[in-house]
Amino acid sequence: MKILVLMKVVPDTYGDRTLSLETGLAQRDSDDSVIDEIDERALEAALAYADTDPEAEVVLLSMAPEPAQASLRKALAMGASEAVQVVDARLAGADIVTTAEVLAAAARRIGFDLIVAGNASTDGSGGAVPAAMAEMLEIACATSLSQVAISGDKVTGTRATETALIALETTLPAIVSVTEALPDARLANFKGIMAAKKKTIETLSVEDLQIDPEHTEAARSIMIAIRERPPREAGVKIVDSGDAGMQLADFLVDNRLA
């Protein structure tokens, strides 16, 4: 089985995140970029299956600038077989539809039985790329799985809603997205780190994927305004003089919170 795992390189969640007031894009420092944590959990799900199937192949797929290779090496050290990176300056700031189109074209070129992804990135939080890819690839899609099990010809999982747990099952080929409820990713050991240095990271351009470059530059959505977030204001402090409960109730009513 060939499993593709979508990997997004994002600004470190422990650092400050800012937008460029000129471009509207997130400021991305290569020294402060990491693999999205939810994608690491997706990789762990794929590797857990590969541990039980010697013939399974786990391939990383990422659309990211060239400096992201350092982060992909870390993911390769965890146990993935190889990585494919779409590198093209014309894709900077690509919206969800363009991103899905490029990744779908790359997946079609690589070949796959299953695609595993995180349900939403920590920088954009769009959460629509897996479903959009499924539409373009004409394959089944199961999203936001809090549990997932992969077998030779199908994948099963559980989606948690506000009122119920929904059991899902689909035959392959398919694409699934997982939530942070899945187990943490394994740590890379010394053997994996050394092996990752020799593993292949294939780079592809828009032309390699037979996508019209002008098509990628025509975003389906545009940003019409951007401004700095206003500074936080001091909150309301309630001093209990025997009427704190009434003060709190009044505050909630005045702010339409109750």
Protein backbone atom coordinates (compact mmCIF):
# COMPACT_ATOMS: atom_id res chain seq x y z
CA MET A 1 0.00 0.00 0.00
CA LYS A 2 1.19 3.50 -0.83
CA ILE A 3 0.15 6.16 1.68
CA LEU A 4 0.65 9.85 1.02
CA VAL A 5 0.74 12.12 4.07
CA LEU A 6 0.14 15.82 3.51
CA MET A 7 2.69 17.92 5.37
CA LYS A 8 2.36 21.66 5.90
CA VAL A 9 5.23 23.74 7.24
CA VAL A 10 3.85 26.48 9.49
CA PRO A 11 5.20 29.15 11.86
CA ASP A 12 5.98 27.68 15.27
CA THR A 13 2.85 27.76 17.42
CA TYR A 14 4.95 28.88 20.40
CA GLY A 15 6.12 32.02 18.62
CA ASP A 16 4.38 35.28 17.76
CA ARG A 17 2.43 35.23 14.52
CA THR A 18 2.13 38.37 12.44
CA LEU A 19 0.79 39.32 9.03
CA SER A 20 2.59 41.47 6.51
CA LEU A 21 0.61 44.69 6.11
CA GLU A 22 1.80 44.86 2.49
CA THR A 23 0.93 41.36 1.26
CA GLY A 24 -1.56 40.16 3.87
CA LEU A 25 0.44 36.93 4.17
CA ALA A 26 1.82 35.42 7.34
CA GLN A 27 5.40 36.34 8.12
CA ARG A 28 7.32 33.09 7.72
CA ASP A 29 10.84 32.84 9.09
CA SER A 30 12.52 29.61 7.94
CA ASP A 31 14.27 29.40 11.33
CA ASP A 32 10.89 29.47 13.07
CA SER A 33 9.04 26.99 10.84
CA VAL A 34 7.92 23.51 11.86
CA ILE A 35 5.78 20.69 10.55
CA ASP A 36 2.21 21.32 11.64
CA GLU A 37 1.50 19.25 14.75
CA ILE A 38 -1.76 17.85 13.36
CA ASP A 39 0.13 16.63 10.27
CA GLU A 40 2.60 14.85 12.55
CA ARG A 41 -0.36 12.96 14.03
CA ALA A 42 -1.50 12.08 10.51
CA LEU A 43 2.00 10.78 9.79
CA GLU A 44 1.91 8.71 12.97
CA ALA A 45 -1.34 7.06 11.81
CA ALA A 46 0.32 6.11 8.52
CA LEU A 47 3.51 4.88 10.18
CA ALA A 48 1.53 2.81 12.69
CA TYR A 49 0.00 0.91 9.78
CA ALA A 50 3.38 0.63 8.04
CA ASP A 51 4.75 -1.02 11.20
CA THR A 52 2.33 -3.91 10.55
CA ASP A 53 2.82 -4.11 6.78
CA PRO A 54 6.41 -4.46 5.49
CA GLU A 55 5.27 -3.63 1.96
CA ALA A 56 3.62 -0.35 2.95
CA GLU A 57 5.23 2.84 1.65
CA VAL A 58 4.72 6.18 3.40
CA VAL A 59 5.46 9.24 1.25
CA LEU A 60 5.36 12.85 2.46
CA LEU A 61 3.74 15.43 0.17
CA SER A 62 4.20 19.14 0.81
CA MET A 63 3.70 22.41 -1.03
CA ALA A 64 6.25 24.73 0.55
CA PRO A 65 9.26 26.97 -0.16
CA GLU A 66 12.66 25.31 -0.52
CA PRO A 67 13.83 26.09 3.08
CA ALA A 68 11.05 23.79 4.31
CA GLN A 69 13.23 20.80 3.42
CA ALA A 70 14.82 20.97 6.87
CA SER A 71 11.43 20.34 8.45
CA LEU A 72 10.65 17.56 5.97
CA ARG A 73 13.93 15.86 6.91
CA LYS A 74 12.69 15.72 10.49
CA ALA A 75 9.51 14.02 9.30
CA LEU A 76 11.56 11.58 7.21
CA ALA A 77 13.57 10.76 10.33
CA MET A 78 10.35 9.58 11.97
CA GLY A 79 10.11 6.78 9.40
CA ALA A 80 8.61 7.98 6.12
CA SER A 81 10.12 6.43 2.99
CA GLU A 82 10.57 9.59 0.91
CA ALA A 83 9.18 13.08 0.37
CA VAL A 84 7.85 15.08 -2.55
CA GLN A 85 7.89 18.87 -2.31
CA VAL A 86 6.15 21.25 -4.69
CA VAL A 87 8.39 24.32 -4.84
CA ASP A 88 7.28 27.28 -6.92
CA ALA A 89 7.44 30.97 -6.03
CA ARG A 90 4.23 31.56 -7.98
CA LEU A 91 2.33 29.56 -5.36
CA ALA A 92 3.07 32.01 -2.54
CA GLY A 93 -0.21 32.96 -0.90
CA ALA A 94 -2.19 30.28 -2.78
CA ASP A 95 -5.78 29.96 -1.59
CA ILE A 96 -7.48 26.69 -0.61
CA VAL A 97 -8.69 25.78 -4.10
CA THR A 98 -5.31 26.42 -5.74
CA THR A 99 -3.54 24.50 -2.97
CA ALA A 100 -5.89 21.55 -3.39
CA GLU A 101 -5.46 21.62 -7.18
CA VAL A 102 -1.66 21.53 -6.92
CA LEU A 103 -1.58 18.81 -4.26
CA ALA A 104 -4.13 16.74 -6.18
CA ALA A 105 -2.00 16.97 -9.33
CA ALA A 106 1.07 15.92 -7.34
CA ALA A 107 -0.80 13.01 -5.75
CA ARG A 108 -2.00 11.88 -9.17
CA ARG A 109 1.58 11.98 -10.48
CA ILE A 110 3.03 10.08 -7.50
CA GLY A 111 0.26 7.49 -7.24
CA PHE A 112 -1.41 6.43 -4.00
CA ASP A 113 -3.84 4.11 -2.30
CA LEU A 114 -4.59 6.39 0.63
CA ILE A 115 -3.99 10.05 1.49
CA VAL A 116 -3.87 11.10 5.15
CA ALA A 117 -3.97 14.72 6.28
CA GLY A 118 -4.63 16.88 9.30
CA ASN A 119 -8.15 18.27 9.48
CA ALA A 120 -7.04 21.94 9.58
CA SER A 121 -3.69 23.73 9.64
CA THR A 122 -2.75 25.84 12.63
CA ASP A 123 -1.92 28.88 10.51
CA GLY A 124 -4.86 29.09 8.09
CA SER A 125 -7.40 26.79 9.77
CA GLY A 126 -9.30 26.46 6.48
CA GLY A 127 -9.95 22.74 6.88
CA ALA A 128 -11.20 22.33 3.30
CA VAL A 129 -8.13 21.09 1.39
CA PRO A 130 -8.73 17.32 1.91
CA ALA A 131 -12.35 17.55 0.76
CA ALA A 132 -11.40 19.71 -2.23
CA MET A 133 -8.69 17.23 -3.21
CA ALA A 134 -11.17 14.35 -2.97
CA GLU A 135 -13.49 16.18 -5.37
CA MET A 136 -10.67 16.76 -7.86
CA LEU A 137 -9.32 13.21 -7.59
CA GLU A 138 -12.84 11.70 -7.60
CA ILE A 139 -12.17 9.54 -4.54
CA ALA A 140 -13.94 8.94 -1.23
CA CYS A 141 -13.32 11.35 1.64
CA ALA A 142 -13.72 10.93 5.41
CA THR A 143 -12.89 14.06 7.40
CA SER A 144 -12.19 15.05 11.02
CA LEU A 145 -11.63 11.52 12.29
CA SER A 146 -10.84 11.21 15.99
CA GLN A 147 -9.98 7.53 15.49
CA VAL A 148 -8.68 5.83 12.37
CA ALA A 149 -7.78 2.26 11.40
CA ILE A 150 -6.17 1.32 8.08
CA SER A 151 -6.40 -2.14 6.55
CA GLY A 152 -5.39 -3.60 3.21
CA ASP A 153 -8.39 -2.40 1.22
CA LYS A 154 -10.30 0.02 3.41
CA VAL A 155 -10.07 2.61 6.15
CA THR A 156 -12.43 3.01 9.09
CA GLY A 157 -12.75 5.80 11.59
CA THR A 158 -14.85 7.71 14.08
CA ARG A 159 -15.98 11.31 13.86
CA ALA A 160 -17.07 13.02 17.07
CA THR A 161 -19.94 15.51 16.85
CA GLU A 162 -21.70 17.50 19.55
CA THR A 163 -24.38 14.83 19.90
CA ALA A 164 -22.93 11.53 18.71
CA LEU A 165 -20.01 9.43 17.54
CA ILE A 166 -20.28 8.58 13.85
CA ALA A 167 -18.59 5.43 12.55
CA LEU A 168 -17.27 5.78 8.98
CA GLU A 169 -15.85 3.25 6.54
CA THR A 170 -14.69 3.54 2.95
CA THR A 171 -12.81 1.42 0.47
CA LEU A 172 -9.57 2.61 -1.10
CA PRO A 173 -8.50 4.79 -2.81
CA ALA A 174 -9.57 7.49 -0.38
CA ILE A 175 -8.45 10.55 1.54
CA VAL A 176 -8.97 11.01 5.27
CA SER A 177 -8.26 13.87 7.65
CA VAL A 178 -7.60 13.41 11.36
CA THR A 179 -7.96 15.56 14.47
CA GLU A 180 -5.71 16.24 17.43
CA ALA A 181 -7.47 13.40 19.28
CA LEU A 182 -5.09 10.96 17.57
CA PRO A 183 -1.91 9.89 19.40
CA ASP A 184 1.16 12.10 19.46
CA ALA A 185 3.75 11.43 16.79
CA ARG A 186 6.71 9.23 17.62
CA LEU A 187 10.11 10.77 18.23
CA ALA A 188 12.85 10.24 15.69
CA ASN A 189 15.69 8.05 16.96
CA PHE A 190 19.36 8.29 16.02
CA LYS A 191 19.04 5.60 13.35
CA GLY A 192 16.12 7.44 11.77
CA ILE A 193 17.95 10.76 11.81
CA MET A 194 20.96 9.28 10.04
CA ALA A 195 18.77 7.47 7.50
CA ALA A 196 16.82 10.66 6.75
CA LYS A 197 19.99 12.31 5.43
CA LYS A 198 20.09 9.81 2.57
CA LYS A 199 16.38 9.77 1.77
CA THR A 200 15.08 11.46 -1.36
CA ILE A 201 13.15 14.71 -1.44
CA GLU A 202 11.85 15.13 -4.98
CA THR A 203 11.02 18.71 -5.94
CA LEU A 204 8.33 19.55 -8.48
CA SER A 205 7.27 22.78 -10.15
CA VAL A 206 3.92 23.85 -11.54
CA GLU A 207 5.10 22.87 -15.03
CA ASP A 208 6.08 19.40 -13.81
CA LEU A 209 2.47 18.95 -12.69
CA GLN A 210 1.17 20.16 -16.06
CA ILE A 211 -0.70 23.05 -14.46
CA ASP A 212 -0.95 26.33 -16.35
CA PRO A 213 1.22 28.81 -14.39
CA GLU A 214 -1.20 31.64 -15.15
CA HIS A 215 -3.97 29.56 -13.62
CA THR A 216 -2.17 29.35 -10.27
CA GLU A 217 -1.60 33.10 -10.19
CA ALA A 218 -5.32 33.84 -10.57
CA ALA A 219 -6.53 33.40 -7.01
CA ARG A 220 -10.18 32.50 -6.51
CA SER A 221 -10.28 34.69 -3.43
CA ILE A 222 -8.58 37.98 -2.65
CA MET A 223 -7.93 40.05 0.45
CA ILE A 224 -9.58 43.45 0.25
CA ALA A 225 -8.31 45.04 3.50
CA ILE A 226 -5.89 44.43 6.33
CA ARG A 227 -4.98 46.31 9.48
CA GLU A 228 -3.13 45.65 12.70
CA ARG A 229 -5.04 44.06 15.53
CA PRO A 230 -5.87 46.69 18.15
CA PRO A 231 -4.11 46.36 21.51
CA ARG A 232 -5.94 44.43 24.18
CA GLU A 233 -7.93 46.53 26.58
CA ALA A 234 -8.04 45.97 30.31
CA GLY A 235 -10.83 43.67 31.39
CA VAL A 236 -13.52 44.38 33.95
CA LYS A 237 -12.46 43.61 37.49
CA ILE A 238 -15.16 42.60 39.96
CA VAL A 239 -14.42 43.18 43.62
CA ASP A 240 -16.53 41.04 45.90
CA SER A 241 -18.25 43.16 48.50
CA GLY A 242 -21.08 40.73 48.94
CA ASP A 243 -22.65 41.50 45.57
CA ALA A 244 -20.13 39.90 43.17
CA GLY A 245 -22.80 37.56 41.85
CA MET A 246 -25.07 40.46 40.90
CA GLN A 247 -22.17 42.34 39.30
CA LEU A 248 -21.26 39.28 37.23
CA ALA A 249 -24.87 38.78 36.16
CA ASP A 250 -25.18 42.42 35.14
CA PHE A 251 -21.92 42.18 33.15
CA LEU A 252 -23.15 39.13 31.27
CA VAL A 253 -26.49 40.77 30.48
CA ASP A 254 -24.92 44.05 29.39
CA ASN A 255 -22.60 42.20 26.99
CA ARG A 256 -25.34 39.89 25.75
CA LEU A 257 -23.55 36.84 27.09
CA ALA A 258 -26.53 35.54 29.03
